[in-house]
Amino acid sequence: MTRTYRRIVDQYRRDYPHQIRLEHAGGWRARYITHAFRQLGLVAVRDRAEWFESGVLVFGFRSREHSNAFYAWTLASCIDWQVPPNEQDQRPAPVPEHFDWQGPTPHRGFKPR
């Protein structure tokens, strides 16, 4: 049985109860959001999810602490979330091209081939 997008969103709402909605989160801002997740240590996919509802990007988190940390970043990021990306004249400092990030830590017993 295939799941419809509506069912997936309903499941995300239940699994990730701490949600932040951002209008105009696309375009050049996506790179900043990805960088923020890495800075905040939110790289584990099981801890967060993203989905669209009525054209708004929703970020869901399992823990309130992660949600609060991401919300604080949205306020401090110098990004005006009220206007579309192409209408914001002043942008924050560029995100570095190379992230100092080694990727997720493998589970115990993981043996690469």
Foldseek 3Di string as FASTA:
>chain_A
DDDDPVVVVVVLCVQFVQKDKFAQCDDPNVVVLVVLCVVVVNPDPSQWDWDDDPRIIMIGGNDPVVSVSSVVCVVVQPDDRVDHPVPDDDHGDDDDPDDPDDDDDDDPPDDDD
